[in-house]
Amino acid sequence: MAYAAGFPSFEGNPVPRTILAESQIHPTVREKIANYRSDTVKAVQAAVAANAIVVVGMRMNPFPKKARNALDAAGLAYEYLEYGSYLSEWRRRLALKMWTGWPTFPMVFVKGVLIGGADDVARLIASGEIPSKK
C-alpha cells in the first residue's frame, strides 16, 4: 500500500480517512490490534478468495437482504456470510469494519474488491459494471 499526503492509497486514489500510523501505536498493543478477531477476518478473506461475489451481512438489517435481492434479480451467484444481529456478535462485525474501513453492512466483494453496500451493488449492476446473467 502506497502512502500519499498521509493517506493510505489504493492504486493512486487516496482512501478518504486516515489510519493511525504504526509509530503512534504502543508496541505492547500492536499484536492485540493485529489479531483482534482474526478468525472472523480470515473466514471472510477465504470466502472472498474462493467466490466471485461475497456478501457479508447481519440479521435484522434490511440492507444485506436488499443487496442479495439485487444479485438474485441479476442472476448472479454469491456466497453469503452472516455475523449476528444488532443484538449479538458486534465484536466480530467490528473486526471486519476495522479490516475494511467500511462502516456499515452489508459489505459486498466482487472479484476480491470491496465495492460497498446494497446501493452500490445495485448501481454497479444497473450500469453494467457488474454484468447481469439474466
Protein backbone atom coordinates (compact mmCIF):
# COMPACT_ATOMS: atom_id res chain seq x y z
CA MET A 1 0.00 0.00 0.00
CA ALA A 2 1.44 3.37 -1.01
CA TYR A 3 1.05 6.48 1.10
CA ALA A 4 0.38 9.96 -0.26
CA ALA A 5 -0.07 13.06 1.87
CA GLY A 6 -0.72 10.99 4.99
CA PHE A 7 -3.48 8.92 3.41
CA PRO A 8 -3.32 5.23 2.54
CA SER A 9 -3.64 4.86 -1.21
CA PHE A 10 -5.29 2.27 -3.46
CA GLU A 11 -3.96 2.45 -7.00
CA GLY A 12 -3.28 6.17 -6.69
CA ASN A 13 -6.66 7.06 -5.19
CA PRO A 14 -6.39 8.12 -1.56
CA VAL A 15 -8.64 6.42 0.97
CA PRO A 16 -10.80 9.23 2.39
CA ARG A 17 -9.82 8.68 6.02
CA THR A 18 -6.54 8.46 7.83
CA ILE A 19 -5.36 5.38 9.66
CA LEU A 20 -3.30 5.71 12.80
CA ALA A 21 0.37 5.33 11.93
CA GLU A 22 2.15 2.34 13.44
CA SER A 23 4.57 4.74 15.15
CA GLN A 24 1.59 6.12 17.07
CA ILE A 25 0.61 2.69 18.45
CA HIS A 26 2.47 1.47 21.50
CA PRO A 27 4.37 -1.78 20.82
CA THR A 28 2.55 -3.59 23.64
CA VAL A 29 -0.83 -3.29 21.89
CA ARG A 30 0.19 -3.82 18.25
CA GLU A 31 -0.29 -7.59 18.43
CA LYS A 32 -3.69 -7.19 20.07
CA ILE A 33 -4.78 -4.87 17.26
CA ALA A 34 -3.35 -7.15 14.56
CA ASN A 35 -5.02 -10.26 15.99
CA TYR A 36 -8.37 -8.82 17.10
CA ARG A 37 -10.99 -11.38 15.95
CA SER A 38 -8.59 -12.52 13.24
CA ASP A 39 -10.60 -15.75 12.84
CA THR A 40 -13.53 -13.72 11.52
CA VAL A 41 -11.35 -11.70 9.15
CA LYS A 42 -9.65 -14.88 7.90
CA ALA A 43 -13.04 -16.52 7.25
CA VAL A 44 -14.15 -13.58 5.13
CA GLN A 45 -10.79 -13.43 3.33
CA ALA A 46 -11.12 -17.14 2.49
CA ALA A 47 -14.67 -16.65 1.18
CA VAL A 48 -13.56 -13.66 -0.91
CA ALA A 49 -10.68 -15.70 -2.36
CA ALA A 50 -12.96 -18.66 -3.18
CA ASN A 51 -16.02 -16.85 -4.58
CA ALA A 52 -16.55 -14.26 -7.32
CA ILE A 53 -19.12 -12.41 -5.18
CA VAL A 54 -19.40 -12.35 -1.38
CA VAL A 55 -21.99 -10.52 0.69
CA VAL A 56 -21.23 -10.08 4.38
CA GLY A 57 -24.29 -9.16 6.41
CA MET A 58 -26.22 -9.43 9.62
CA ARG A 59 -29.71 -10.38 10.75
CA MET A 60 -32.36 -7.70 11.34
CA ASN A 61 -30.66 -5.30 8.91
CA PRO A 62 -32.68 -4.88 5.69
CA PHE A 63 -29.71 -3.81 3.55
CA PRO A 64 -27.95 -7.19 3.27
CA LYS A 65 -31.26 -8.59 2.01
CA LYS A 66 -31.52 -5.70 -0.45
CA ALA A 67 -28.04 -6.50 -1.80
CA ARG A 68 -28.87 -10.20 -2.10
CA ASN A 69 -32.15 -9.40 -3.86
CA ALA A 70 -30.28 -7.24 -6.41
CA LEU A 71 -27.82 -10.07 -7.06
CA ASP A 72 -30.63 -12.63 -7.30
CA ALA A 73 -32.55 -10.43 -9.76
CA ALA A 74 -29.40 -10.18 -11.88
CA GLY A 75 -28.95 -13.96 -11.79
CA LEU A 76 -25.58 -13.69 -10.05
CA ALA A 77 -24.33 -16.39 -7.67
CA TYR A 78 -22.80 -15.25 -4.39
CA GLU A 79 -21.65 -16.51 -1.02
CA TYR A 80 -23.48 -15.01 1.96
CA LEU A 81 -21.83 -14.75 5.38
CA GLU A 82 -23.92 -13.57 8.32
CA TYR A 83 -22.49 -12.25 11.57
CA GLY A 84 -25.14 -11.85 14.26
CA SER A 85 -27.77 -9.15 14.59
CA TYR A 86 -27.98 -5.74 16.18
CA LEU A 87 -28.04 -7.58 19.50
CA SER A 88 -25.21 -10.08 19.00
CA GLU A 89 -21.76 -10.66 17.53
CA TRP A 90 -20.94 -6.95 17.28
CA ARG A 91 -17.28 -7.66 18.07
CA ARG A 92 -16.97 -9.90 15.01
CA ARG A 93 -18.52 -7.17 12.85
CA LEU A 94 -16.22 -4.58 14.43
CA ALA A 95 -13.18 -6.59 13.32
CA LEU A 96 -14.50 -6.56 9.75
CA LYS A 97 -15.08 -2.81 9.88
CA MET A 98 -11.55 -2.30 11.19
CA TRP A 99 -10.13 -4.54 8.44
CA THR A 100 -12.03 -2.96 5.52
CA GLY A 101 -12.61 0.58 6.72
CA TRP A 102 -16.22 0.15 5.55
CA PRO A 103 -18.59 1.38 8.30
CA THR A 104 -21.83 -0.45 7.50
CA PHE A 105 -23.36 -3.76 6.43
CA PRO A 106 -23.55 -5.34 4.01
CA MET A 107 -20.01 -5.47 2.71
CA VAL A 108 -20.10 -6.66 -0.88
CA PHE A 109 -16.96 -8.02 -2.53
CA VAL A 110 -16.74 -8.65 -6.28
CA LYS A 111 -13.67 -10.46 -7.62
CA GLY A 112 -11.82 -9.69 -4.39
CA VAL A 113 -12.66 -5.98 -4.36
CA LEU A 114 -14.87 -4.33 -1.74
CA ILE A 115 -17.45 -2.44 -3.81
CA GLY A 116 -19.54 -1.12 -0.92
CA GLY A 117 -23.06 -1.95 0.21
CA ALA A 118 -26.55 -2.59 -1.14
CA ASP A 119 -26.97 0.67 -3.04
CA ASP A 120 -23.50 0.31 -4.54
CA VAL A 121 -24.08 -3.21 -5.84
CA ALA A 122 -27.45 -2.18 -7.32
CA ARG A 123 -25.85 0.83 -9.04
CA LEU A 124 -22.99 -1.26 -10.48
CA ILE A 125 -25.43 -3.89 -11.79
CA ALA A 126 -27.58 -1.16 -13.37
CA SER A 127 -24.55 0.45 -15.01
CA GLY A 128 -23.34 -2.88 -16.38
CA GLU A 129 -20.06 -2.73 -14.45
CA ILE A 130 -21.22 -5.94 -12.80
CA PRO A 131 -22.73 -7.82 -15.74
CA SER A 132 -26.12 -9.41 -15.18
CA LYS A 133 -26.59 -13.09 -16.05
CA LYS A 134 -30.25 -12.52 -16.99
